[in-house]
Amino acid sequence: MEEKLIGIFYWLVLIRILRLLLVKPLLDLLWKQTPQEYRLEERN
């Protein structure tokens, strides 16, 4: 049982790290793009 729990915990941590590595850059890109678009719309 303990080995299974450790395995599940290991996978959860791995998935969380992968999510941070993949999602954070995507969110940063979206965050950088969106305000600029809004600013351009405001100028026009």
Protein backbone atom coordinates (compact mmCIF):
# COMPACT_ATOMS: atom_id res chain seq x y z
CA MET A 1 0.00 0.00 0.00
CA GLU A 2 2.72 2.47 0.96
CA GLU A 3 4.56 1.93 -2.32
CA LYS A 4 1.37 2.65 -4.27
CA LEU A 5 0.76 5.84 -2.28
CA ILE A 6 4.34 6.98 -2.89
CA GLY A 7 3.93 6.23 -6.61
CA ILE A 8 0.69 8.22 -6.79
CA PHE A 9 2.26 11.10 -4.87
CA TYR A 10 5.29 11.00 -7.20
CA TRP A 11 3.05 11.20 -10.27
CA LEU A 12 0.98 14.03 -8.78
CA VAL A 13 4.15 16.03 -8.13
CA LEU A 14 5.48 15.26 -11.62
CA ILE A 15 2.21 16.34 -13.24
CA ARG A 16 2.14 19.50 -11.13
CA ILE A 17 5.71 20.41 -12.17
CA LEU A 18 4.96 19.70 -15.84
CA ARG A 19 1.81 21.82 -15.60
CA LEU A 20 3.77 24.72 -14.11
CA LEU A 21 6.44 24.41 -16.80
CA LEU A 22 3.89 24.29 -19.63
CA VAL A 23 1.05 26.48 -18.34
CA LYS A 24 3.02 29.36 -16.83
CA PRO A 25 4.80 30.34 -20.09
CA LEU A 26 1.48 30.08 -21.96
CA LEU A 27 -0.25 32.29 -19.38
CA ASP A 28 2.65 34.75 -19.53
CA LEU A 29 2.37 34.91 -23.33
CA LEU A 30 -1.40 35.44 -23.14
CA TRP A 31 -0.95 38.05 -20.39
CA LYS A 32 1.60 39.95 -22.51
CA GLN A 33 -0.52 39.79 -25.67
CA THR A 34 -3.92 40.68 -24.21
CA PRO A 35 -3.13 44.08 -22.59
CA GLN A 36 -1.36 45.24 -25.75
CA GLU A 37 -4.44 44.41 -27.83
CA TYR A 38 -6.65 46.31 -25.39
CA ARG A 39 -4.30 49.30 -25.49
CA LEU A 40 -4.33 49.31 -29.30
CA GLU A 41 -8.14 49.25 -29.25
CA GLU A 42 -8.21 52.15 -26.79
CA ARG A 43 -5.91 54.24 -29.01
CA ASN A 44 -8.13 53.66 -32.04
